């Protein structure tokens, strides 16, 4: 009787293999069933992956320079579907392509925070420190205050440096964005969920060529024709100070009537009936708010670039990064004081909205995508510096406290504070993602 051959036994798949199979199957399905969605997801994953890598590399490199022990460098969130162990460090890729982490011994990684949020308090325990540990084996708290500060600050710093380099590269190869020659086309870039256009079946890529049987040469004519669907109490025309354009100033809106929009799709003309709705928006310059008739579409903007020499591209890159940072800080200030405009509230979004915008910019050209990546990098760096527990800014506050008070906070109490911050951030992320999906 022959003994059983162990090599002939069926091979068991581990959880990582099953996750890979599921991811590949989902990617194939999306690519064939929803190619536009698949394209958006791929662009988003690559763009965010690069920005997260730059951010986490800053933490990683400064921690190693400071002699700290690094357990893991991960891109994405667990479960880990790929891990390579090299010189005592696990280099991992997560199944969720959002975020990343550097697990520095004694610091308490994002992975520990998530485990703690699930009730695993053991994940928050801090290892016994060893001030005499060799270089490369130190706990985070064993390093000097200077190295701890720079290790935490390095992530956002790398995002700022990356953004500046990207801006300089775009301005050098493509040129500076030129508002004078840029134009908005009649092609629909995005349709707001639940809007009149969405209910009427207008889609991304449709070209709006007329309203109520009248042809329109541009978006300005379309806007005026849609405004004609309401009974205005005043139709006085005023001359705008910008480019001498004559615009209509409407005071008060009565009954809104349905309109028929002519849409060009795949070489065919379609008629779509819809009723515009009133929606609040910021006035020109953001000095106030007004109600305007909208149908819920965003048109494609064709960005034009003006060539400049490298000597002008370099300072322009710094100016761009500083300008974006200033705008973000102003918006954060308005958010804290609950003074955001309706448009700003609608503009706030999570991963779904960012992915959508990444796809839109990619379709307008690689230069436009790079500009968006630079903008997103500044956002990522600046928001991580906010003094919120679990973020880099929140951790830096504890280092500053130790510097001033000459004594550290109890590590377990600090980790509990970061756990609470992580729980709030996760809850906010779920909320904002659900809001994006519903839209």
Protein backbone atom coordinates (compact mmCIF):
# COMPACT_ATOMS: atom_id res chain seq x y z
CA UNK A 1 0.00 0.00 0.00
CA UNK A 2 1.46 3.35 -1.04
CA UNK A 3 1.89 5.99 1.64
CA UNK A 4 0.13 9.31 0.98
CA UNK A 5 2.25 11.95 -0.75
CA UNK A 6 2.18 15.16 1.30
CA UNK A 7 3.01 17.19 -1.81
CA UNK A 8 -0.19 15.97 -3.46
CA UNK A 9 -2.37 17.50 -0.73
CA UNK A 10 -4.45 20.47 -1.90
CA UNK A 11 -2.83 23.83 -1.21
CA UNK A 12 -4.63 26.07 1.25
CA UNK A 13 -4.97 29.73 0.45
CA UNK A 14 -4.04 32.16 3.20
CA UNK A 15 -6.04 35.33 3.85
CA UNK A 16 -3.60 37.55 1.91
CA UNK A 17 -3.96 35.39 -1.21
CA UNK A 18 -7.74 35.57 -0.99
CA UNK A 19 -7.59 39.36 -0.58
CA UNK A 20 -5.36 39.64 -3.66
CA UNK A 21 -7.79 37.48 -5.66
CA UNK A 22 -10.71 39.65 -4.52
CA UNK A 23 -8.86 42.88 -5.40
CA UNK A 24 -7.87 41.61 -8.86
CA UNK A 25 -11.39 40.33 -9.55
CA UNK A 26 -12.90 43.67 -8.48
CA UNK A 27 -10.38 45.56 -10.67
CA UNK A 28 -11.22 43.44 -13.72
CA UNK A 29 -14.96 43.89 -13.16
CA UNK A 30 -14.64 47.68 -12.81
CA UNK A 31 -12.36 47.95 -15.83
CA UNK A 32 -14.91 46.29 -18.11
CA UNK A 33 -18.19 47.38 -16.51
CA UNK A 34 -17.29 50.93 -15.39
CA UNK A 35 -14.11 52.00 -17.22
CA UNK A 36 -14.47 55.64 -16.17
CA UNK A 37 -14.76 54.66 -12.49
CA UNK A 38 -11.82 52.26 -12.81
CA UNK A 39 -9.70 55.01 -14.39
CA UNK A 40 -10.58 57.40 -11.55
CA UNK A 41 -9.71 54.82 -8.88
CA UNK A 42 -6.34 54.02 -10.50
CA UNK A 43 -5.40 57.70 -10.83
CA UNK A 44 -6.49 58.37 -7.24
CA UNK A 45 -4.59 55.37 -5.83
CA UNK A 46 -1.37 56.29 -7.65
CA UNK A 47 -1.58 60.00 -6.80
CA UNK A 48 -2.41 59.47 -3.14
CA UNK A 49 0.09 56.63 -2.88
CA UNK A 50 2.92 58.92 -4.04
CA UNK A 51 1.91 61.68 -1.60
CA UNK A 52 1.60 59.26 1.31
CA UNK A 53 4.95 57.68 0.44
CA UNK A 54 6.61 61.11 0.46
CA UNK A 55 4.99 61.95 3.81
CA UNK A 56 5.83 58.67 5.52
CA UNK A 57 9.34 58.62 4.05
CA UNK A 58 10.02 61.88 5.91
CA UNK A 59 9.05 60.29 9.24
CA UNK A 60 10.93 57.11 8.37
CA UNK A 61 14.21 58.73 7.33
CA UNK A 62 14.42 61.19 10.23
CA UNK A 63 13.59 58.44 12.72
CA UNK A 64 16.47 56.35 11.40
CA UNK A 65 18.82 59.34 11.41
CA UNK A 66 17.80 59.90 15.06
CA UNK A 67 18.72 56.30 15.95
CA UNK A 68 15.15 55.11 16.54
CA UNK A 69 14.01 51.57 15.83
CA UNK A 70 11.50 51.37 12.97
CA UNK A 71 9.32 48.26 12.94
CA UNK A 72 7.27 48.86 9.79
CA UNK A 73 6.96 51.17 6.79
CA UNK A 74 3.50 50.71 5.31
CA UNK A 75 1.56 52.26 2.43
CA UNK A 76 -2.20 51.82 2.74
CA UNK A 77 -4.09 50.45 5.72
CA UNK A 78 -4.27 46.84 7.02
CA UNK A 79 -4.87 44.05 6.32
CA UNK A 80 -1.38 43.87 4.84
CA UNK A 81 -1.45 42.03 1.53
CA UNK A 82 2.28 42.26 0.86
CA UNK A 83 5.18 42.41 3.31
CA UNK A 84 8.91 42.18 2.76
CA UNK A 85 11.24 41.96 5.77
CA UNK A 86 14.58 43.71 5.18
CA UNK A 87 17.20 44.56 7.80
CA UNK A 88 14.75 44.32 10.68
CA UNK A 89 12.01 46.41 9.05
CA UNK A 90 8.74 45.23 7.49
CA UNK A 91 7.90 47.02 4.25
CA UNK A 92 4.17 46.51 3.65
CA UNK A 93 1.32 47.35 1.28
CA UNK A 94 -2.20 47.47 2.70
CA UNK A 95 -5.45 46.36 1.10
CA UNK A 96 -6.98 49.83 1.58
CA UNK A 97 -5.09 52.34 -0.61
CA UNK A 98 -5.73 55.26 1.75
CA UNK A 99 -3.08 56.57 4.12
CA UNK A 100 0.08 54.98 5.40
CA UNK A 101 2.15 54.52 8.52
CA UNK A 102 5.64 54.31 9.98
CA UNK A 103 5.70 52.18 13.13
CA UNK A 104 8.43 53.71 15.30
CA UNK A 105 9.16 51.76 18.49
CA UNK A 106 7.59 53.46 21.50
CA UNK A 107 5.58 56.00 19.49
CA UNK A 108 2.36 54.07 19.02
CA UNK A 109 1.54 53.55 15.37
CA UNK A 110 -1.71 54.20 13.54
CA UNK A 111 -2.15 50.43 13.50
CA UNK A 112 -2.01 50.43 17.31
CA UNK A 113 -4.48 53.32 17.41
CA UNK A 114 -6.95 51.41 15.24
CA UNK A 115 -6.51 48.30 17.41
CA UNK A 116 -7.09 50.42 20.50
CA UNK A 117 -10.22 51.92 18.95
CA UNK A 118 -11.49 48.36 18.57
CA UNK A 119 -10.97 47.74 22.29
CA UNK A 120 -7.50 46.18 22.30
CA UNK A 121 -5.98 48.26 25.11
CA UNK A 122 -2.85 46.08 25.11
CA UNK A 123 -1.95 47.73 21.82
CA UNK A 124 -1.54 51.01 23.70
CA UNK A 125 1.04 49.67 26.16
CA UNK A 126 4.46 51.29 25.94
CA UNK A 127 7.62 49.19 25.97
CA UNK A 128 10.17 49.76 28.72
CA UNK A 129 12.58 52.47 27.63
CA UNK A 130 16.31 52.00 27.45
CA UNK A 131 18.25 55.28 27.26
CA UNK A 132 21.48 53.38 26.60
CA UNK A 133 20.09 51.53 23.58
CA UNK A 134 22.33 51.37 20.55
CA UNK A 135 21.81 53.66 17.56
CA UNK A 136 18.96 52.20 15.53
CA UNK A 137 17.44 50.42 18.55
CA UNK A 138 16.13 53.42 20.52
CA UNK A 139 12.53 53.88 21.54
CA UNK A 140 10.96 57.13 20.35
CA UNK A 141 11.00 58.57 23.88
CA UNK A 142 14.71 57.72 24.26
CA UNK A 143 15.73 60.08 21.43
CA UNK A 144 16.46 63.75 22.08
CA UNK A 145 13.63 66.28 21.94
CA UNK A 146 15.15 67.74 18.80
CA UNK A 147 15.15 64.44 16.94
CA UNK A 148 11.61 63.67 18.13
CA UNK A 149 10.35 67.05 16.91
CA UNK A 150 11.99 66.72 13.49
CA UNK A 151 10.81 63.12 13.11
CA UNK A 152 7.22 64.26 13.62
CA UNK A 153 7.60 67.44 11.55
CA UNK A 154 9.41 65.68 8.69
CA UNK A 155 6.25 64.18 7.18
CA UNK A 156 4.48 67.51 6.54
CA UNK A 157 7.83 69.09 5.62
CA UNK A 158 8.36 66.53 2.85
CA UNK A 159 4.85 67.24 1.54
CA UNK A 160 5.64 70.97 1.29
CA UNK A 161 8.98 70.30 -0.42
CA UNK A 162 7.33 67.85 -2.83
CA UNK A 163 4.61 70.37 -3.72
CA UNK A 164 7.14 73.13 -4.39
CA UNK A 165 9.23 70.81 -6.61
CA UNK A 166 6.09 69.76 -8.52
CA UNK A 167 4.99 73.37 -9.04
CA UNK A 168 8.45 74.36 -10.28
CA UNK A 169 8.50 71.36 -12.65
CA UNK A 170 5.05 72.18 -14.07
CA UNK A 171 5.90 75.85 -14.50
CA UNK A 172 9.20 74.94 -16.18
CA UNK A 173 7.88 72.32 -18.62
CA UNK A 174 4.28 73.42 -19.20
CA UNK A 175 4.27 77.00 -17.94
CA UNK A 176 2.26 79.10 -15.50
CA UNK A 177 -1.54 78.68 -15.55
CA UNK A 178 -2.89 81.51 -17.70
CA UNK A 179 -6.38 82.58 -16.68
CA UNK A 180 -6.65 84.94 -19.65
CA UNK A 181 -6.46 82.14 -22.22
CA UNK A 182 -8.01 79.33 -20.17
CA UNK A 183 -11.62 78.57 -20.99
CA UNK A 184 -14.61 76.62 -19.74
CA UNK A 185 -16.22 74.36 -22.32
CA UNK A 186 -19.82 73.17 -22.68
CA UNK A 187 -18.74 69.60 -21.86
CA UNK A 188 -20.07 68.28 -18.54
CA UNK A 189 -17.27 67.33 -16.16
CA UNK A 190 -19.37 66.41 -13.13
CA UNK A 191 -23.05 66.04 -12.26
CA UNK A 192 -24.12 66.72 -8.68
CA UNK A 193 -25.99 63.77 -7.21
CA UNK A 194 -29.70 64.39 -6.71
CA UNK A 195 -29.60 67.58 -8.80
CA UNK A 196 -32.08 68.36 -11.61
CA UNK A 197 -29.42 67.37 -14.18
CA UNK A 198 -28.81 64.05 -12.42
CA UNK A 199 -32.54 63.27 -12.32
CA UNK A 200 -32.84 64.19 -16.00
CA UNK A 201 -30.12 61.70 -16.94
CA UNK A 202 -27.35 64.13 -17.94
CA UNK A 203 -23.97 62.40 -17.69
CA UNK A 204 -20.27 63.12 -17.55
CA UNK A 205 -19.00 63.84 -21.07
CA UNK A 206 -22.30 65.22 -22.37
CA UNK A 207 -22.07 68.49 -24.30
CA UNK A 208 -24.80 71.05 -23.62
CA UNK A 209 -25.52 72.81 -26.91
CA UNK A 210 -28.83 74.56 -26.31
CA UNK A 211 -31.79 75.39 -24.08
CA UNK A 212 -35.46 75.46 -25.09
CA UNK A 213 -34.61 75.01 -28.77
CA UNK A 214 -32.07 77.85 -28.89
CA UNK A 215 -28.43 77.08 -29.58
CA UNK A 216 -25.77 78.21 -27.12
CA UNK A 217 -22.17 78.94 -28.08
CA UNK A 218 -20.79 78.86 -24.54
CA UNK A 219 -21.53 78.32 -20.89
CA UNK A 220 -22.39 81.98 -20.42
CA UNK A 221 -25.31 81.69 -22.84
CA UNK A 222 -26.46 78.46 -21.20
CA UNK A 223 -26.48 80.18 -17.80
CA UNK A 224 -28.54 83.09 -19.12
CA UNK A 225 -31.02 80.77 -20.85
CA UNK A 226 -31.50 78.79 -17.64
CA UNK A 227 -32.07 82.03 -15.73
CA UNK A 228 -34.77 82.87 -18.26
CA UNK A 229 -36.76 79.95 -16.87
CA UNK A 230 -37.67 82.10 -13.87
CA UNK A 231 -39.89 85.13 -13.67
CA UNK A 232 -37.62 87.99 -12.65
CA UNK A 233 -38.86 91.14 -11.00
CA UNK A 234 -36.05 93.11 -12.63
CA UNK A 235 -34.09 92.47 -15.83
CA UNK A 236 -31.82 95.51 -15.70
CA UNK A 237 -28.55 95.06 -17.58
CA UNK A 238 -25.31 96.28 -16.04
CA UNK A 239 -21.80 96.45 -17.47
CA UNK A 240 -19.29 94.35 -15.60
CA UNK A 241 -15.88 95.84 -14.81
CA UNK A 242 -14.29 92.61 -16.02
CA UNK A 243 -13.49 92.61 -19.74
CA UNK A 244 -16.43 94.93 -20.41
CA UNK A 245 -18.94 92.09 -20.33
CA UNK A 246 -22.59 93.10 -20.20
CA UNK A 247 -24.38 91.04 -17.55
CA UNK A 248 -27.95 90.96 -16.31
CA UNK A 249 -28.63 91.92 -12.71
CA UNK A 250 -31.73 90.07 -11.50
CA UNK A 251 -33.43 91.17 -8.30
CA UNK A 252 -35.88 88.67 -6.90
CA UNK A 253 -37.05 85.41 -8.46
CA UNK A 254 -40.61 84.23 -8.73
CA UNK A 255 -41.89 81.02 -10.33
CA UNK A 256 -39.29 78.72 -11.90
CA UNK A 257 -40.40 76.98 -15.09
CA UNK A 258 -39.06 73.68 -16.55
CA UNK A 259 -36.54 73.91 -19.40
CA UNK A 260 -35.53 71.53 -22.15
CA UNK A 261 -31.78 71.12 -22.50
CA UNK A 262 -30.30 69.86 -25.78
CA UNK A 263 -27.45 67.44 -25.09
CA UNK A 264 -24.96 66.02 -27.58
CA UNK A 265 -23.84 62.48 -26.70
CA UNK A 266 -21.92 60.11 -28.97
CA UNK A 267 -22.76 62.25 -31.99
CA UNK A 268 -26.50 62.25 -31.23
CA UNK A 269 -28.73 65.07 -29.96
CA UNK A 270 -30.90 64.29 -26.94
CA UNK A 271 -33.58 66.37 -25.26
CA UNK A 272 -33.56 66.46 -21.44
CA UNK A 273 -36.34 68.15 -19.50
CA UNK A 274 -35.51 69.53 -16.05
CA UNK A 275 -36.50 72.23 -13.60
CA UNK A 276 -33.69 74.41 -12.16
CA UNK A 277 -33.55 74.94 -8.41
CA UNK A 278 -32.44 77.82 -6.22
CA UNK A 279 -29.17 77.30 -4.37
CA UNK A 280 -27.03 79.60 -2.24
CA UNK A 281 -23.58 80.52 -3.48
CA UNK A 282 -20.87 83.02 -2.66
CA UNK A 283 -20.95 86.33 -4.50
CA UNK A 284 -18.03 87.47 -6.64
CA UNK A 285 -15.05 87.99 -4.32
CA UNK A 286 -16.70 86.05 -1.49
CA UNK A 287 -18.10 89.22 0.11
CA UNK A 288 -21.55 87.74 0.64
CA UNK A 289 -24.08 85.13 -0.42
CA UNK A 290 -26.82 85.03 -3.02
CA UNK A 291 -29.35 82.59 -4.39
CA UNK A 292 -28.92 81.45 -7.96
CA UNK A 293 -30.66 79.05 -10.31
CA UNK A 294 -28.63 75.90 -10.89
CA UNK A 295 -29.13 72.56 -12.62
CA UNK A 296 -26.22 70.76 -10.90
CA UNK A 297 -23.51 70.43 -13.55
CA UNK A 298 -19.84 71.40 -13.53
CA UNK A 299 -18.29 72.15 -16.90
CA UNK A 300 -14.85 71.06 -18.06
CA UNK A 301 -12.19 73.73 -17.75
CA UNK A 302 -9.39 73.67 -20.29
CA UNK A 303 -6.37 75.06 -18.48
CA UNK A 304 -3.94 77.05 -20.61
CA UNK A 305 -0.30 77.49 -19.67
CA UNK A 306 2.13 80.31 -20.44
CA UNK A 307 5.81 79.34 -20.81
CA UNK A 308 8.23 80.97 -18.35
CA UNK A 309 12.00 80.56 -17.82
CA UNK A 310 13.31 78.53 -14.87
CA UNK A 311 14.36 81.70 -13.04
CA UNK A 312 10.70 82.69 -12.88
CA UNK A 313 9.36 79.16 -12.29
CA UNK A 314 11.34 78.69 -9.05
CA UNK A 315 9.96 81.72 -7.14
CA UNK A 316 6.51 81.06 -8.64
CA UNK A 317 6.58 77.56 -7.15
CA UNK A 318 7.24 78.95 -3.67
CA UNK A 319 4.59 81.64 -4.11
CA UNK A 320 2.05 79.02 -5.20
CA UNK A 321 2.72 76.83 -2.14
CA UNK A 322 2.51 79.80 0.24
CA UNK A 323 -0.67 81.08 -1.41
CA UNK A 324 -2.39 77.70 -1.18
CA UNK A 325 -1.33 77.35 2.47
CA UNK A 326 -2.78 80.78 3.26
CA UNK A 327 -6.09 79.90 1.62
CA UNK A 328 -6.31 76.60 3.50
CA UNK A 329 -5.59 78.27 6.85
CA UNK A 330 -8.22 80.93 6.16
CA UNK A 331 -10.75 78.23 5.32
CA UNK A 332 -9.88 76.28 8.48
CA UNK A 333 -10.40 79.49 10.46
CA UNK A 334 -13.83 79.96 8.90
CA UNK A 335 -14.66 76.33 9.63
CA UNK A 336 -13.71 76.71 13.32
CA UNK A 337 -15.88 79.84 13.60
CA UNK A 338 -18.71 78.10 11.67
CA UNK A 339 -18.50 80.75 8.96
CA UNK A 340 -18.08 78.62 5.85
CA UNK A 341 -19.99 79.69 2.76
CA UNK A 342 -22.49 77.23 1.20
CA UNK A 343 -20.08 76.56 -1.67
CA UNK A 344 -17.23 75.85 0.78
CA UNK A 345 -19.42 73.43 2.72
CA UNK A 346 -20.28 71.59 -0.48
CA UNK A 347 -16.60 71.63 -1.47
CA UNK A 348 -15.44 69.79 1.65
CA UNK A 349 -15.03 66.12 0.83
CA UNK A 350 -13.24 62.92 1.69
CA UNK A 351 -11.58 60.15 -0.32
CA UNK A 352 -14.50 59.82 -2.75
CA UNK A 353 -14.48 63.51 -3.69
CA UNK A 354 -10.68 63.62 -3.88
CA UNK A 355 -10.71 60.58 -6.17
CA UNK A 356 -13.32 62.24 -8.37
CA UNK A 357 -11.26 65.42 -8.64
CA UNK A 358 -8.08 63.44 -9.36
CA UNK A 359 -9.83 61.72 -12.27
CA UNK A 360 -11.16 65.04 -13.59
CA UNK A 361 -7.72 66.66 -13.52
CA UNK A 362 -6.07 63.63 -15.12
CA UNK A 363 -8.47 63.86 -18.07
CA UNK A 364 -7.39 67.47 -18.61
CA UNK A 365 -3.73 66.52 -18.99
CA UNK A 366 -0.72 65.35 -17.02
CA UNK A 367 0.32 68.90 -16.17
CA UNK A 368 -3.09 69.59 -14.66
CA UNK A 369 -2.87 66.35 -12.65
CA UNK A 370 0.55 67.36 -11.31
CA UNK A 371 -0.84 70.74 -10.21
CA UNK A 372 -3.65 68.92 -8.40
CA UNK A 373 -1.11 66.58 -6.77
CA UNK A 374 0.86 69.61 -5.55
CA UNK A 375 -2.30 71.20 -4.17
CA UNK A 376 -3.23 67.95 -2.43
CA UNK A 377 0.29 67.60 -1.02
CA UNK A 378 0.09 71.06 0.58
CA UNK A 379 -3.31 70.11 2.02
CA UNK A 380 -1.93 66.85 3.40
CA UNK A 381 1.07 68.53 4.99
CA UNK A 382 -0.81 71.46 6.47
CA UNK A 383 -3.76 69.49 7.83
CA UNK A 384 -1.38 67.01 9.48
CA UNK A 385 0.14 69.93 11.40
CA UNK A 386 -3.18 70.88 12.98
CA UNK A 387 -3.01 70.44 16.80
CA UNK A 388 -5.38 67.45 16.77
CA UNK A 389 -4.56 64.26 18.73
CA UNK A 390 -3.31 61.36 16.57
CA UNK A 391 -2.08 63.80 13.88
CA UNK A 392 1.52 64.97 13.65
CA UNK A 393 0.56 68.38 15.03
CA UNK A 394 -1.06 66.80 18.09
CA UNK A 395 2.04 64.71 18.81
CA UNK A 396 4.30 67.75 18.36
CA UNK A 397 2.31 69.52 21.09
CA UNK A 398 3.37 66.83 23.58
CA UNK A 399 7.02 67.32 22.59
CA UNK A 400 6.68 71.09 23.09
CA UNK A 401 5.00 70.47 26.47
CA UNK A 402 7.94 68.30 27.55
CA UNK A 403 10.38 70.99 26.43
CA UNK A 404 8.61 73.70 28.41
CA UNK A 405 7.69 71.69 31.54
CA UNK A 406 10.93 69.63 31.49
CA UNK A 407 8.99 66.43 32.06
CA UNK A 408 7.08 64.15 29.69
CA UNK A 409 3.41 63.26 29.87
CA UNK A 410 2.67 59.70 31.03
CA UNK A 411 3.03 57.71 27.76
CA UNK A 412 -0.11 55.66 28.42
CA UNK A 413 -2.18 58.80 29.04
CA UNK A 414 -0.76 60.36 25.87
CA UNK A 415 -1.66 57.27 23.87
CA UNK A 416 -5.21 57.36 25.23
CA UNK A 417 -5.51 60.97 24.06
CA UNK A 418 -4.31 59.97 20.60
CA UNK A 419 -6.73 57.03 20.67
CA UNK A 420 -9.62 59.42 21.28
CA UNK A 421 -8.37 61.62 18.45
CA UNK A 422 -8.08 58.64 16.13
CA UNK A 423 -11.63 57.54 16.97
CA UNK A 424 -12.96 61.02 16.17
CA UNK A 425 -11.00 61.18 12.92
CA UNK A 426 -12.29 57.76 11.84
CA UNK A 427 -15.86 58.80 12.66
CA UNK A 428 -15.45 62.01 10.67
CA UNK A 429 -13.93 60.07 7.75
CA UNK A 430 -16.89 57.67 7.71
CA UNK A 431 -19.34 60.59 7.85
CA UNK A 432 -17.69 62.59 5.05
CA UNK A 433 -17.31 59.48 2.87
CA UNK A 434 -20.98 58.58 3.28
CA UNK A 435 -21.95 62.15 2.41
CA UNK A 436 -19.83 61.99 -0.76
CA UNK A 437 -21.36 58.65 -1.76
CA UNK A 438 -24.92 59.90 -1.17
CA UNK A 439 -24.18 62.95 -3.33
